[in-house]
Amino acid sequence: SDELLRLMRSTNDELYRAHGLICGELEDIWHMHFEPFFYPSEDSPADEGMQPPPSASEDEAAVAEQTPQLSGGWLDLGDVILTSRLLIRYVAELVALVSMAVQQLPEEVLAQRAQLRATPPHPALRAIVAAFSARVPWIGADLKDDADCPQGG
């Protein structure tokens, strides 16, 4: 239904926003880097591919007319649901990473946010991120090289 589609799109938008906030914090403070997450743009031409081809049968044309139209780069409801699943898993993995770091890093490392931002990653954080990257390689997470991190603090 149109209402389900709107709800799922809204959910995806909020999950994508949360994903961006978490990744932004990890990149800025923990000196991490993530491969970009593909998210359909609202700027994409609306409804491309949703219209039946000129050679479509009357039945196919009728189904296409009854299918809720999606804006942007969304293909169909299945595409929206798949994106939801990926975002939920991605955000859950990021939360697990933060939780693991909070449990395993020395308290003095986490005590000063400004200090974390101003110095290269702690060796324990390097080990945590390496284990995380090996466990969920599809996220494409790694740490910046020390040369690319602020030096001072």
C-alpha atoms as a PDB file:
ATOM      1  CA  SER A   1       0.000   0.000   0.000  1.00  0.00           C
ATOM      2  CA  ASP A   2       1.026   3.610  -0.399  1.00  0.00           C
ATOM      3  CA  GLU A   3       1.018   4.108   3.390  1.00  0.00           C
ATOM      4  CA  LEU A   4       3.427   1.190   3.940  1.00  0.00           C
ATOM      5  CA  LEU A   5       5.698   2.528   1.239  1.00  0.00           C
ATOM      6  CA  ARG A   6       5.754   6.005   2.803  1.00  0.00           C
ATOM      7  CA  LEU A   7       6.426   4.531   6.251  1.00  0.00           C
ATOM      8  CA  MET A   8       9.265   2.341   4.986  1.00  0.00           C
ATOM      9  CA  ARG A   9      10.839   5.241   3.075  1.00  0.00           C
ATOM     10  CA  SER A  10      10.623   7.439   6.174  1.00  0.00           C
ATOM     11  CA  THR A  11      12.176   4.675   8.275  1.00  0.00           C
ATOM     12  CA  ASN A  12      15.003   4.304   5.766  1.00  0.00           C
ATOM     13  CA  ASP A  13      15.599   8.050   5.739  1.00  0.00           C
ATOM     14  CA  GLU A  14      15.947   8.094   9.543  1.00  0.00           C
ATOM     15  CA  LEU A  15      18.167   4.994   9.581  1.00  0.00           C
ATOM     16  CA  TYR A  16      20.354   6.561   6.899  1.00  0.00           C
ATOM     17  CA  ARG A  17      20.544   9.758   8.942  1.00  0.00           C
ATOM     18  CA  ALA A  18      21.600   7.746  12.041  1.00  0.00           C
ATOM     19  CA  HIS A  19      24.152   5.859   9.927  1.00  0.00           C
ATOM     20  CA  GLY A  20      25.612   9.166   8.737  1.00  0.00           C
ATOM     21  CA  LEU A  21      25.811  10.606  12.242  1.00  0.00           C
ATOM     22  CA  ILE A  22      27.538   7.517  13.663  1.00  0.00           C
ATOM     23  CA  CYS A  23      29.988   7.228  10.754  1.00  0.00           C
ATOM     24  CA  GLY A  24      30.696  10.957  10.910  1.00  0.00           C
ATOM     25  CA  GLU A  25      31.549  10.735  14.593  1.00  0.00           C
ATOM     26  CA  LEU A  26      33.767   7.679  14.090  1.00  0.00           C
ATOM     27  CA  GLU A  27      35.542   9.339  11.175  1.00  0.00           C
ATOM     28  CA  ASP A  28      36.038  12.657  12.973  1.00  0.00           C
ATOM     29  CA  ILE A  29      36.940  11.441  16.463  1.00  0.00           C
ATOM     30  CA  TRP A  30      38.249   7.887  16.007  1.00  0.00           C
ATOM     31  CA  HIS A  31      39.969   8.542  12.645  1.00  0.00           C
ATOM     32  CA  MET A  32      38.066   5.782  10.892  1.00  0.00           C
ATOM     33  CA  HIS A  33      37.135   5.587   7.233  1.00  0.00           C
ATOM     34  CA  PHE A  34      34.118   3.826   5.710  1.00  0.00           C
ATOM     35  CA  GLU A  35      33.282   2.895   2.166  1.00  0.00           C
ATOM     36  CA  PRO A  36      30.260   4.915   1.015  1.00  0.00           C
ATOM     37  CA  PHE A  37      26.856   3.348   1.581  1.00  0.00           C
ATOM     38  CA  PHE A  38      24.678   3.494  -1.522  1.00  0.00           C
ATOM     39  CA  TYR A  39      21.421   5.256  -0.779  1.00  0.00           C
ATOM     40  CA  PRO A  40      19.016   6.209  -3.568  1.00  0.00           C
ATOM     41  CA  SER A  41      18.973   9.910  -4.233  1.00  0.00           C
ATOM     42  CA  GLU A  42      15.802  11.935  -4.333  1.00  0.00           C
ATOM     43  CA  ASP A  43      17.397  13.792  -7.234  1.00  0.00           C
ATOM     44  CA  SER A  44      17.183  10.736  -9.488  1.00  0.00           C
ATOM     45  CA  PRO A  45      14.535  10.906 -12.155  1.00  0.00           C
ATOM     46  CA  ALA A  46      11.258   9.781 -10.620  1.00  0.00           C
ATOM     47  CA  ASP A  47       9.532   6.648 -11.755  1.00  0.00           C
ATOM     48  CA  GLU A  48      12.114   5.660 -14.366  1.00  0.00           C
ATOM     49  CA  GLY A  49      11.574   2.069 -15.278  1.00  0.00           C
ATOM     50  CA  MET A  50       8.183   1.959 -13.556  1.00  0.00           C
ATOM     51  CA  GLN A  51       6.182   2.537 -16.721  1.00  0.00           C
ATOM     52  CA  PRO A  52       5.462  -0.534 -18.798  1.00  0.00           C
ATOM     53  CA  PRO A  53       7.435  -0.795 -22.012  1.00  0.00           C
ATOM     54  CA  PRO A  54       5.534   0.006 -25.199  1.00  0.00           C
ATOM     55  CA  SER A  55       5.377  -3.706 -26.002  1.00  0.00           C
ATOM     56  CA  ALA A  56       3.808  -4.634 -22.620  1.00  0.00           C
ATOM     57  CA  SER A  57       0.603  -6.600 -22.616  1.00  0.00           C
ATOM     58  CA  GLU A  58      -2.573  -5.031 -21.254  1.00  0.00           C
ATOM     59  CA  ASP A  59      -2.206  -7.135 -18.075  1.00  0.00           C
ATOM     60  CA  GLU A  60       1.359  -5.913 -17.520  1.00  0.00           C
ATOM     61  CA  ALA A  61       0.286  -2.335 -18.136  1.00  0.00           C
ATOM     62  CA  ALA A  62      -2.567  -2.688 -15.627  1.00  0.00           C
ATOM     63  CA  VAL A  63      -0.199  -4.044 -12.956  1.00  0.00           C
ATOM     64  CA  ALA A  64       2.254  -1.191 -13.583  1.00  0.00           C
ATOM     65  CA  GLU A  65      -0.543   1.361 -13.203  1.00  0.00           C
ATOM     66  CA  GLN A  66      -1.604  -0.170  -9.853  1.00  0.00           C
ATOM     67  CA  THR A  67       1.956  -0.344  -8.466  1.00  0.00           C
ATOM     68  CA  PRO A  68       2.754   2.527  -6.067  1.00  0.00           C
ATOM     69  CA  GLN A  69       5.105   4.917  -7.818  1.00  0.00           C
ATOM     70  CA  LEU A  70       8.437   5.524  -6.136  1.00  0.00           C
ATOM     71  CA  SER A  71      10.362   8.728  -6.405  1.00  0.00           C
ATOM     72  CA  GLY A  72      14.085   9.051  -6.686  1.00  0.00           C
ATOM     73  CA  GLY A  73      16.272   6.029  -7.279  1.00  0.00           C
ATOM     74  CA  TRP A  74      14.007   3.504  -5.547  1.00  0.00           C
ATOM     75  CA  LEU A  75      13.016   0.574  -7.727  1.00  0.00           C
ATOM     76  CA  ASP A  76      10.113  -1.005  -5.856  1.00  0.00           C
ATOM     77  CA  LEU A  77       8.900  -1.975  -2.397  1.00  0.00           C
ATOM     78  CA  GLY A  78      11.360  -4.883  -2.375  1.00  0.00           C
ATOM     79  CA  ASP A  79      14.201  -2.402  -2.929  1.00  0.00           C
ATOM     80  CA  VAL A  80      12.956  -0.284  -0.014  1.00  0.00           C
ATOM     81  CA  ILE A  81      12.746  -3.347   2.270  1.00  0.00           C
ATOM     82  CA  LEU A  82      16.215  -4.567   1.246  1.00  0.00           C
ATOM     83  CA  THR A  83      17.645  -1.137   2.014  1.00  0.00           C
ATOM     84  CA  SER A  84      15.936  -1.243   5.426  1.00  0.00           C
ATOM     85  CA  ARG A  85      17.523  -4.596   6.207  1.00  0.00           C
ATOM     86  CA  LEU A  86      20.970  -3.383   5.146  1.00  0.00           C
ATOM     87  CA  LEU A  87      20.718  -0.157   7.135  1.00  0.00           C
ATOM     88  CA  ILE A  88      19.476  -1.948  10.254  1.00  0.00           C
ATOM     89  CA  ARG A  89      22.345  -4.418  10.061  1.00  0.00           C
ATOM     90  CA  TYR A  90      24.896  -1.684   9.323  1.00  0.00           C
ATOM     91  CA  VAL A  91      23.768   0.505  12.241  1.00  0.00           C
ATOM     92  CA  ALA A  92      23.640  -2.518  14.569  1.00  0.00           C
ATOM     93  CA  GLU A  93      27.224  -3.406  13.621  1.00  0.00           C
ATOM     94  CA  LEU A  94      28.389   0.169  14.251  1.00  0.00           C
ATOM     95  CA  VAL A  95      26.698   0.167  17.657  1.00  0.00           C
ATOM     96  CA  ALA A  96      28.422  -3.140  18.446  1.00  0.00           C
ATOM     97  CA  LEU A  97      31.770  -1.597  17.433  1.00  0.00           C
ATOM     98  CA  VAL A  98      31.265   1.374  19.743  1.00  0.00           C
ATOM     99  CA  SER A  99      30.161  -0.918  22.560  1.00  0.00           C
ATOM    100  CA  MET A 100      33.226  -3.122  22.092  1.00  0.00           C
ATOM    101  CA  ALA A 101      35.534  -0.099  22.106  1.00  0.00           C
ATOM    102  CA  VAL A 102      33.944   1.325  25.256  1.00  0.00           C
ATOM    103  CA  GLN A 103      34.400  -2.032  26.998  1.00  0.00           C
ATOM    104  CA  GLN A 104      37.954  -2.705  25.817  1.00  0.00           C
ATOM    105  CA  LEU A 105      39.722   0.646  25.530  1.00  0.00           C
ATOM    106  CA  PRO A 106      41.427   2.055  28.597  1.00  0.00           C
ATOM    107  CA  GLU A 107      39.244   4.618  30.352  1.00  0.00           C
ATOM    108  CA  GLU A 108      41.809   7.396  29.889  1.00  0.00           C
ATOM    109  CA  VAL A 109      41.628   6.920  26.099  1.00  0.00           C
ATOM    110  CA  LEU A 110      37.880   7.568  26.040  1.00  0.00           C
ATOM    111  CA  ALA A 111      37.830  10.229  28.771  1.00  0.00           C
ATOM    112  CA  GLN A 112      38.778  13.163  26.551  1.00  0.00           C
ATOM    113  CA  ARG A 113      36.990  13.481  23.228  1.00  0.00           C
ATOM    114  CA  ALA A 114      39.262  16.346  22.178  1.00  0.00           C
ATOM    115  CA  GLN A 115      42.297  14.194  22.958  1.00  0.00           C
ATOM    116  CA  LEU A 116      40.939  11.339  20.824  1.00  0.00           C
ATOM    117  CA  ARG A 117      40.425  13.754  17.922  1.00  0.00           C
ATOM    118  CA  ALA A 118      43.893  15.317  18.294  1.00  0.00           C
ATOM    119  CA  THR A 119      45.999  12.159  18.387  1.00  0.00           C
ATOM    120  CA  PRO A 120      46.463   9.079  16.200  1.00  0.00           C
ATOM    121  CA  PRO A 121      44.409   6.003  17.135  1.00  0.00           C
ATOM    122  CA  HIS A 122      45.373   4.075  20.265  1.00  0.00           C
ATOM    123  CA  PRO A 123      46.921   0.627  19.554  1.00  0.00           C
ATOM    124  CA  ALA A 124      43.956  -1.069  21.263  1.00  0.00           C
ATOM    125  CA  LEU A 125      41.576   0.788  18.944  1.00  0.00           C
ATOM    126  CA  ARG A 126      43.635  -0.403  15.987  1.00  0.00           C
ATOM    127  CA  ALA A 127      43.159  -3.999  17.140  1.00  0.00           C
ATOM    128  CA  ILE A 128      39.417  -3.495  17.685  1.00  0.00           C
ATOM    129  CA  VAL A 129      38.926  -1.954  14.234  1.00  0.00           C
ATOM    130  CA  ALA A 130      41.028  -4.678  12.596  1.00  0.00           C
ATOM    131  CA  ALA A 131      38.853  -7.365  14.204  1.00  0.00           C
ATOM    132  CA  PHE A 132      35.703  -5.456  13.243  1.00  0.00           C
ATOM    133  CA  SER A 133      36.857  -5.097   9.628  1.00  0.00           C
ATOM    134  CA  ALA A 134      37.650  -8.806   9.417  1.00  0.00           C
ATOM    135  CA  ARG A 135      34.237  -9.727  10.862  1.00  0.00           C
ATOM    136  CA  VAL A 136      32.186  -7.377   8.648  1.00  0.00           C
ATOM    137  CA  PRO A 137      34.290  -6.664   5.553  1.00  0.00           C
ATOM    138  CA  TRP A 138      31.222  -5.513   3.588  1.00  0.00           C
ATOM    139  CA  ILE A 139      31.197  -2.289   5.661  1.00  0.00           C
ATOM    140  CA  GLY A 140      34.651  -1.352   4.363  1.00  0.00           C
ATOM    141  CA  ALA A 141      35.855   0.128   7.671  1.00  0.00           C
ATOM    142  CA  ASP A 142      39.457   0.918   8.446  1.00  0.00           C
ATOM    143  CA  LEU A 143      41.577   3.439  10.323  1.00  0.00           C
ATOM    144  CA  LYS A 144      43.354   6.322   8.687  1.00  0.00           C
ATOM    145  CA  ASP A 145      47.130   6.152   8.567  1.00  0.00           C
ATOM    146  CA  ASP A 146      48.864   7.985  11.401  1.00  0.00           C
ATOM    147  CA  ALA A 147      50.179  10.490   8.843  1.00  0.00           C
ATOM    148  CA  ASP A 148      46.559  11.405   7.984  1.00  0.00           C
ATOM    149  CA  CYS A 149      45.616  11.979  11.638  1.00  0.00           C
ATOM    150  CA  PRO A 150      46.111  15.187  13.617  1.00  0.00           C
ATOM    151  CA  GLN A 151      49.419  15.275  15.470  1.00  0.00           C
ATOM    152  CA  GLY A 152      49.234  17.194  18.690  1.00  0.00           C
ATOM    153  CA  GLY A 153      47.453  17.067  21.885  1.00  0.00           C
END
